[in-house]
C-alpha atoms as a PDB file:
ATOM      1  CA  MET A   1      52.373 -12.839  86.327  1.00  0.00           C
ATOM      2  CA  THR A   2      52.947 -14.399  82.801  1.00  0.00           C
ATOM      3  CA  ASP A   3      49.700 -16.472  83.300  1.00  0.00           C
ATOM      4  CA  GLU A   4      47.332 -13.930  84.287  1.00  0.00           C
ATOM      5  CA  ASN A   5      48.770 -11.815  80.981  1.00  0.00           C
ATOM      6  CA  THR A   6      48.129 -14.747  78.743  1.00  0.00           C
ATOM      7  CA  ALA A   7      44.639 -15.102  80.219  1.00  0.00           C
ATOM      8  CA  SER A   8      43.887 -11.592  79.879  1.00  0.00           C
ATOM      9  CA  THR A   9      45.379 -11.592  75.882  1.00  0.00           C
ATOM     10  CA  ALA A  10      43.046 -14.727  75.297  1.00  0.00           C
ATOM     11  CA  GLY A  11      40.003 -13.153  77.140  1.00  0.00           C
ATOM     12  CA  ASP A  12      40.465  -9.894  74.661  1.00  0.00           C
ATOM     13  CA  ASP A  13      40.976 -11.998  71.546  1.00  0.00           C
ATOM     14  CA  ASN A  14      37.439 -13.610  72.948  1.00  0.00           C
ATOM     15  CA  ASN A  15      35.860 -10.671  72.736  1.00  0.00           C
ATOM     16  CA  VAL A  16      37.428  -9.181  69.437  1.00  0.00           C
ATOM     17  CA  ALA A  17      36.244 -12.554  67.962  1.00  0.00           C
ATOM     18  CA  THR A  18      32.707 -12.024  69.793  1.00  0.00           C
ATOM     19  CA  THR A  19      32.456  -8.663  68.331  1.00  0.00           C
ATOM     20  CA  ALA A  20      33.688  -9.262  64.706  1.00  0.00           C
ATOM     21  CA  ASN A  21      31.078 -11.671  63.808  1.00  0.00           C
ATOM     22  CA  PRO A  22      28.372  -9.802  64.066  1.00  0.00           C
ATOM     23  CA  ALA A  23      29.612  -7.284  61.875  1.00  0.00           C
ATOM     24  CA  THR A  24      30.549  -9.827  59.296  1.00  0.00           C
ATOM     25  CA  ALA A  25      27.336 -11.595  59.209  1.00  0.00           C
ATOM     26  CA  GLY A  26      25.697  -8.075  58.999  1.00  0.00           C
ATOM     27  CA  ASN A  27      27.552  -7.458  55.658  1.00  0.00           C
ATOM     28  CA  GLY A  28      26.696 -10.813  54.600  1.00  0.00           C
ATOM     29  CA  ASP A  29      22.831 -10.054  55.015  1.00  0.00           C
ATOM     30  CA  GLN A  30      23.395  -6.560  53.368  1.00  0.00           C
ATOM     31  CA  ASP A  31      24.837  -7.937  50.198  1.00  0.00           C
ATOM     32  CA  PHE A  32      22.460 -10.940  49.883  1.00  0.00           C
ATOM     33  CA  SER A  33      19.773  -8.016  50.078  1.00  0.00           C
ATOM     34  CA  ALA A  34      21.510  -6.036  47.572  1.00  0.00           C
ATOM     35  CA  LEU A  35      21.660  -9.186  45.281  1.00  0.00           C
ATOM     36  CA  GLN A  36      18.034  -9.805  45.862  1.00  0.00           C
ATOM     37  CA  ASN A  37      17.022  -5.879  44.858  1.00  0.00           C
ATOM     38  CA  GLU A  38      19.424  -6.374  41.787  1.00  0.00           C
ATOM     39  CA  LEU A  39      17.760  -9.534  40.935  1.00  0.00           C
ATOM     40  CA  GLU A  40      14.480  -8.006  41.382  1.00  0.00           C
ATOM     41  CA  ASP A  41      15.443  -4.934  39.327  1.00  0.00           C
ATOM     42  CA  THR A  42      16.924  -7.485  36.163  1.00  0.00           C
ATOM     43  CA  LYS A  43      13.387  -9.467  36.544  1.00  0.00           C
ATOM     44  CA  ASN A  44      11.542  -6.607  36.111  1.00  0.00           C
ATOM     45  CA  LYS A  45      13.712  -5.104  33.141  1.00  0.00           C
ATOM     46  CA  LEU A  46      13.480  -8.620  31.328  1.00  0.00           C
ATOM     47  CA  ASP A  47       9.630  -8.605  31.910  1.00  0.00           C
ATOM     48  CA  ASP A  48       9.728  -5.044  30.226  1.00  0.00           C
ATOM     49  CA  LEU A  49      11.893  -5.876  27.470  1.00  0.00           C
ATOM     50  CA  THR A  50       9.413  -8.839  26.927  1.00  0.00           C
ATOM     51  CA  ARG A  51       6.405  -7.160  26.694  1.00  0.00           C
ATOM     52  CA  ILE A  52       8.127  -4.409  24.648  1.00  0.00           C
ATOM     53  CA  SER A  53       9.474  -7.180  21.962  1.00  0.00           C
ATOM     54  CA  GLN A  54       5.567  -8.884  22.128  1.00  0.00           C
ATOM     55  CA  HIS A  55       4.101  -5.420  21.231  1.00  0.00           C
ATOM     56  CA  ALA A  56       6.692  -4.925  18.664  1.00  0.00           C
ATOM     57  CA  LEU A  57       6.055  -8.248  16.853  1.00  0.00           C
ATOM     58  CA  ALA A  58       2.259  -8.107  17.223  1.00  0.00           C
ATOM     59  CA  ASP A  59       2.553  -4.503  15.357  1.00  0.00           C
ATOM     60  CA  LEU A  60       4.964  -5.995  12.591  1.00  0.00           C
ATOM     61  CA  GLN A  61       2.373  -8.727  12.050  1.00  0.00           C
ATOM     62  CA  ASN A  62      -0.545  -6.393  12.304  1.00  0.00           C
ATOM     63  CA  PHE A  63       1.540  -4.268   9.394  1.00  0.00           C
ATOM     64  CA  LYS A  64       2.602  -7.334   7.456  1.00  0.00           C
ATOM     65  CA  LYS A  65      -1.386  -8.295   7.165  1.00  0.00           C
ATOM     66  CA  ARG A  66      -2.664  -4.766   6.346  1.00  0.00           C
ATOM     67  CA  SER A  67       0.463  -4.794   3.340  1.00  0.00           C
ATOM     68  CA  GLU A  68      -0.813  -8.188   2.173  1.00  0.00           C
ATOM     69  CA  GLU A  69      -4.471  -6.888   2.587  1.00  0.00           C
ATOM     70  CA  GLU A  70      -3.819  -3.952   0.671  1.00  0.00           C
ATOM     71  CA  LYS A  71      -1.783  -5.764  -1.935  1.00  0.00           C
ATOM     72  CA  ALA A  72      -4.874  -8.145  -2.589  1.00  0.00           C
ATOM     73  CA  LYS A  73      -7.313  -5.125  -2.883  1.00  0.00           C
ATOM     74  CA  PHE A  74      -4.717  -3.482  -5.285  1.00  0.00           C
ATOM     75  CA  ILE A  75      -4.545  -6.873  -7.411  1.00  0.00           C
ATOM     76  CA  VAL A  76      -8.390  -6.943  -7.408  1.00  0.00           C
ATOM     77  CA  PHE A  77      -8.920  -3.191  -8.712  1.00  0.00           C
ATOM     78  CA  ALA A  78      -6.244  -4.074 -11.252  1.00  0.00           C
ATOM     79  CA  ASN A  79      -7.852  -7.083 -12.707  1.00  0.00           C
ATOM     80  CA  SER A  80     -11.297  -5.235 -12.441  1.00  0.00           C
ATOM     81  CA  LEU A  81     -10.138  -2.669 -14.681  1.00  0.00           C
ATOM     82  CA  LEU A  82      -8.879  -5.042 -17.452  1.00  0.00           C
ATOM     83  CA  ILE A  83     -11.970  -7.594 -17.081  1.00  0.00           C
ATOM     84  CA  THR A  84     -14.088  -4.478 -17.452  1.00  0.00           C
ATOM     85  CA  GLU A  85     -12.364  -3.760 -20.812  1.00  0.00           C
ATOM     86  CA  LEU A  86     -13.037  -7.514 -21.715  1.00  0.00           C
ATOM     87  CA  LEU A  87     -16.974  -7.699 -20.724  1.00  0.00           C
ATOM     88  CA  PRO A  88     -17.910  -6.345 -24.377  1.00  0.00           C
ATOM     89  CA  VAL A  89     -15.992  -9.329 -25.835  1.00  0.00           C
ATOM     90  CA  LEU A  90     -17.750 -11.772 -23.863  1.00  0.00           C
ATOM     91  CA  ASP A  91     -20.608 -10.420 -24.788  1.00  0.00           C
ATOM     92  CA  ASN A  92     -20.231 -10.380 -28.634  1.00  0.00           C
ATOM     93  CA  ILE A  93     -18.979 -13.964 -28.298  1.00  0.00           C
ATOM     94  CA  ASP A  94     -22.070 -14.762 -26.947  1.00  0.00           C
ATOM     95  CA  ARG A  95     -23.858 -12.972 -29.219  1.00  0.00           C
ATOM     96  CA  ALA A  96     -21.960 -14.893 -32.441  1.00  0.00           C
ATOM     97  CA  ILE A  97     -22.662 -18.306 -30.579  1.00  0.00           C
ATOM     98  CA  VAL A  98     -26.574 -17.795 -30.366  1.00  0.00           C
ATOM     99  CA  HIS A  99     -26.285 -16.658 -34.030  1.00  0.00           C
ATOM    100  CA  LEU A 100     -24.307 -19.299 -35.168  1.00  0.00           C
ATOM    101  CA  PRO A 101     -25.308 -20.724 -38.808  1.00  0.00           C
ATOM    102  CA  GLU A 102     -27.144 -24.051 -38.959  1.00  0.00           C
ATOM    103  CA  ASP A 103     -25.359 -25.471 -41.887  1.00  0.00           C
ATOM    104  CA  PRO A 104     -23.395 -28.608 -40.913  1.00  0.00           C
ATOM    105  CA  ALA A 105     -20.305 -27.328 -42.961  1.00  0.00           C
ATOM    106  CA  ALA A 106     -19.866 -24.077 -40.175  1.00  0.00           C
ATOM    107  CA  LYS A 107     -20.174 -26.736 -37.143  1.00  0.00           C
ATOM    108  CA  GLU A 108     -16.204 -26.948 -37.075  1.00  0.00           C
ATOM    109  CA  TRP A 109     -16.179 -23.381 -37.018  1.00  0.00           C
ATOM    110  CA  ALA A 110     -19.015 -23.006 -34.476  1.00  0.00           C
ATOM    111  CA  ASN A 111     -17.223 -25.512 -32.086  1.00  0.00           C
ATOM    112  CA  GLY A 112     -13.800 -23.513 -32.370  1.00  0.00           C
ATOM    113  CA  ILE A 113     -16.206 -20.372 -31.628  1.00  0.00           C
ATOM    114  CA  ILE A 114     -17.572 -22.151 -28.309  1.00  0.00           C
ATOM    115  CA  ALA A 115     -14.300 -23.452 -27.184  1.00  0.00           C
ATOM    116  CA  ILE A 116     -12.807 -19.812 -27.362  1.00  0.00           C
ATOM    117  CA  LEU A 117     -15.571 -18.930 -25.060  1.00  0.00           C
ATOM    118  CA  LYS A 118     -15.367 -21.532 -22.788  1.00  0.00           C
ATOM    119  CA  GLN A 119     -11.455 -20.603 -22.326  1.00  0.00           C
ATOM    120  CA  LEU A 120     -11.991 -17.031 -21.732  1.00  0.00           C
ATOM    121  CA  GLU A 121     -14.358 -17.506 -19.132  1.00  0.00           C
ATOM    122  CA  GLU A 122     -12.238 -19.988 -17.455  1.00  0.00           C
ATOM    123  CA  THR A 123      -9.350 -17.743 -17.556  1.00  0.00           C
ATOM    124  CA  LEU A 124     -11.486 -14.875 -16.336  1.00  0.00           C
ATOM    125  CA  LYS A 125     -12.772 -17.233 -13.351  1.00  0.00           C
ATOM    126  CA  LYS A 126      -9.174 -18.071 -12.417  1.00  0.00           C
ATOM    127  CA  GLN A 127      -8.981 -14.119 -12.064  1.00  0.00           C
ATOM    128  CA  GLY A 128     -12.102 -13.669  -9.467  1.00  0.00           C
ATOM    129  CA  LEU A 129     -14.726 -13.252 -12.177  1.00  0.00           C
ATOM    130  CA  GLU A 130     -18.292 -14.468 -11.369  1.00  0.00           C
ATOM    131  CA  LYS A 131     -21.902 -13.886 -13.118  1.00  0.00           C
ATOM    132  CA  ILE A 132     -24.224 -12.277 -11.269  1.00  0.00           C
ATOM    133  CA  VAL A 133     -27.063 -14.602 -10.735  1.00  0.00           C
ATOM    134  CA  THR A 134     -30.390 -13.361 -12.003  1.00  0.00           C
ATOM    135  CA  GLU A 135     -33.176 -16.133 -12.475  1.00  0.00           C
ATOM    136  CA  ASN A 136     -35.999 -16.110 -10.658  1.00  0.00           C
ATOM    137  CA  LEU A 137     -34.479 -14.193  -7.877  1.00  0.00           C
ATOM    138  CA  PRO A 138     -35.901 -10.403  -6.421  1.00  0.00           C
ATOM    139  CA  PHE A 139     -35.044  -7.491  -8.005  1.00  0.00           C
ATOM    140  CA  ASP A 140     -31.405  -6.076  -6.098  1.00  0.00           C
ATOM    141  CA  PRO A 141     -30.374  -2.680  -7.242  1.00  0.00           C
ATOM    142  CA  ASN A 142     -27.187  -3.258  -5.865  1.00  0.00           C
ATOM    143  CA  PHE A 143     -26.926  -6.050  -8.417  1.00  0.00           C
ATOM    144  CA  HIS A 144     -29.603  -5.501 -11.144  1.00  0.00           C
ATOM    145  CA  GLU A 145     -30.590  -2.972 -13.548  1.00  0.00           C
ATOM    146  CA  ALA A 146     -34.570  -2.948 -14.670  1.00  0.00           C
ATOM    147  CA  VAL A 147     -34.506  -2.131 -18.480  1.00  0.00           C
ATOM    148  CA  MET A 148     -38.244  -2.519 -18.560  1.00  0.00           C
ATOM    149  CA  THR A 149     -41.365  -4.444 -16.618  1.00  0.00           C
ATOM    150  CA  ARG A 150     -43.983  -6.341 -17.981  1.00  0.00           C
ATOM    151  CA  PRO A 151     -46.808  -8.300 -16.460  1.00  0.00           C
ATOM    152  CA  GLY A 152     -45.768 -10.478 -13.354  1.00  0.00           C
ATOM    153  CA  GLU A 153     -44.826 -11.062  -9.701  1.00  0.00           C
ATOM    154  CA  LYS A 154     -43.816  -7.784  -8.630  1.00  0.00           C
ATOM    155  CA  ASP A 155     -40.497  -7.178  -8.409  1.00  0.00           C
ATOM    156  CA  LEU A 156     -39.306 -10.405  -9.204  1.00  0.00           C
ATOM    157  CA  ILE A 157     -36.884 -10.872 -12.364  1.00  0.00           C
ATOM    158  CA  LEU A 158     -38.451 -12.682 -15.060  1.00  0.00           C
ATOM    159  CA  GLN A 159     -35.871 -12.242 -17.878  1.00  0.00           C
ATOM    160  CA  GLU A 160     -32.098 -11.314 -18.278  1.00  0.00           C
ATOM    161  CA  MET A 161     -31.211  -9.197 -21.154  1.00  0.00           C
ATOM    162  CA  GLU A 162     -27.426  -8.883 -20.385  1.00  0.00           C
ATOM    163  CA  LYS A 163     -25.178 -10.621 -18.006  1.00  0.00           C
ATOM    164  CA  GLY A 164     -23.759  -8.872 -15.396  1.00  0.00           C
ATOM    165  CA  TYR A 165     -20.482  -9.631 -13.353  1.00  0.00           C
ATOM    166  CA  LYS A 166     -18.574  -8.896 -10.383  1.00  0.00           C
ATOM    167  CA  ILE A 167     -15.113  -9.959  -8.355  1.00  0.00           C
ATOM    168  CA  GLN A 168     -15.471 -10.620  -5.064  1.00  0.00           C
ATOM    169  CA  ASP A 169     -17.831  -7.717  -3.768  1.00  0.00           C
ATOM    170  CA  ARG A 170     -16.746  -5.581  -6.234  1.00  0.00           C
ATOM    171  CA  VAL A 171     -19.517  -4.991  -8.987  1.00  0.00           C
ATOM    172  CA  LEU A 172     -18.221  -4.709 -12.385  1.00  0.00           C
ATOM    173  CA  ARG A 173     -21.337  -4.418 -14.319  1.00  0.00           C
ATOM    174  CA  ARG A 174     -25.166  -4.987 -13.221  1.00  0.00           C
ATOM    175  CA  SER A 175     -26.965  -7.411 -14.743  1.00  0.00           C
ATOM    176  CA  LYS A 176     -29.719  -5.836 -17.282  1.00  0.00           C
ATOM    177  CA  VAL A 177     -33.091  -7.547 -16.690  1.00  0.00           C
ATOM    178  CA  ILE A 178     -36.730  -7.144 -17.104  1.00  0.00           C
ATOM    179  CA  VAL A 179     -38.995  -7.438 -14.036  1.00  0.00           C
ATOM    180  CA  GLY A 180     -42.385  -8.093 -12.854  1.00  0.00           C
ATOM    181  CA  ASN A 181     -44.663  -5.240 -12.428  1.00  0.00           C
ATOM    182  CA  GLY A 182     -47.176  -7.100 -10.088  1.00  0.00           C
ATOM    183  CA  GLU A 183     -49.781  -7.142 -12.833  1.00  0.00           C
ATOM    184  CA  SER A 184     -51.406 -10.526 -13.860  1.00  0.00           C
ATOM    185  CA  PRO A 185     -50.531 -11.539 -17.285  1.00  0.00           C
ATOM    186  CA  ALA A 186     -53.743 -10.874 -19.591  1.00  0.00           C
ATOM    187  CA  ALA A 187     -55.872 -14.068 -20.296  1.00  0.00           C
ATOM    188  CA  PRO A 188     -56.005 -15.104 -24.107  1.00  0.00           C
ATOM    189  CA  ASN A 189     -59.563 -13.884 -25.482  1.00  0.00           C
ATOM    190  CA  LEU A 190     -61.676 -17.167 -25.841  1.00  0.00           C
ATOM    191  CA  THR A 191     -64.335 -15.019 -27.699  1.00  0.00           C
ATOM    192  CA  THR A 192     -61.963 -13.468 -30.075  1.00  0.00           C
ATOM    193  CA  GLN A 193     -60.391 -17.189 -30.919  1.00  0.00           C
ATOM    194  CA  SER A 194     -63.815 -18.894 -31.282  1.00  0.00           C
ATOM    195  CA  ALA A 195     -64.452 -16.199 -33.735  1.00  0.00           C
ATOM    196  CA  ALA A 196     -61.198 -16.474 -35.686  1.00  0.00           C
ATOM    197  CA  ALA A 197     -61.954 -20.604 -35.784  1.00  0.00           C
ATOM    198  CA  GLY A 198     -65.208 -20.094 -37.164  1.00  0.00           C
ATOM    199  CA  SER A 199     -64.371 -17.329 -39.364  1.00  0.00           C
ATOM    200  CA  PRO A 200     -64.632 -18.865 -43.372  1.00  0.00           C
ATOM    201  CA  LYS A 201     -61.314 -19.122 -45.145  1.00  0.00           C
END
């Protein structure tokens, strides 16, 4: 009787163990699946945060670049206003050099004027000032102002009357020039010259 009860109890224990193991395995699968889902959600959130941070960094870099460009433009604008006021000074020094006296006693004074002009030009050049080139170039109303025309190749700059200047793409003052009108220069009158040469003194 005792053996039968013992066997029965053992059989019941085996049944309990058999029925308990599948339940435990099922819970483990559910926990692992939940962890996978949580990990996937975390990864997606991390990807979103990474994209947001990259966009924010790109916006910050663009803002910094725009700020630097605007600052540079403001500096150019401010320099332009000041340098424009100095252009007549350059003109006057140029005129003074053209009319320097030939007296040897004034040579030292003349050299001083030339040195001042070069120093001023170098200082303004460092601030971005450039002369507008005119020699043997086609007339361009964006950079040149025609003060008169004369016989010569049409629309070709024949002579510069006043220097023009610019800073980067900003024109401070257009060059004043003489432009060819397309007419051929008048040939010398040989008959008149011969008559003048043969006339009695």
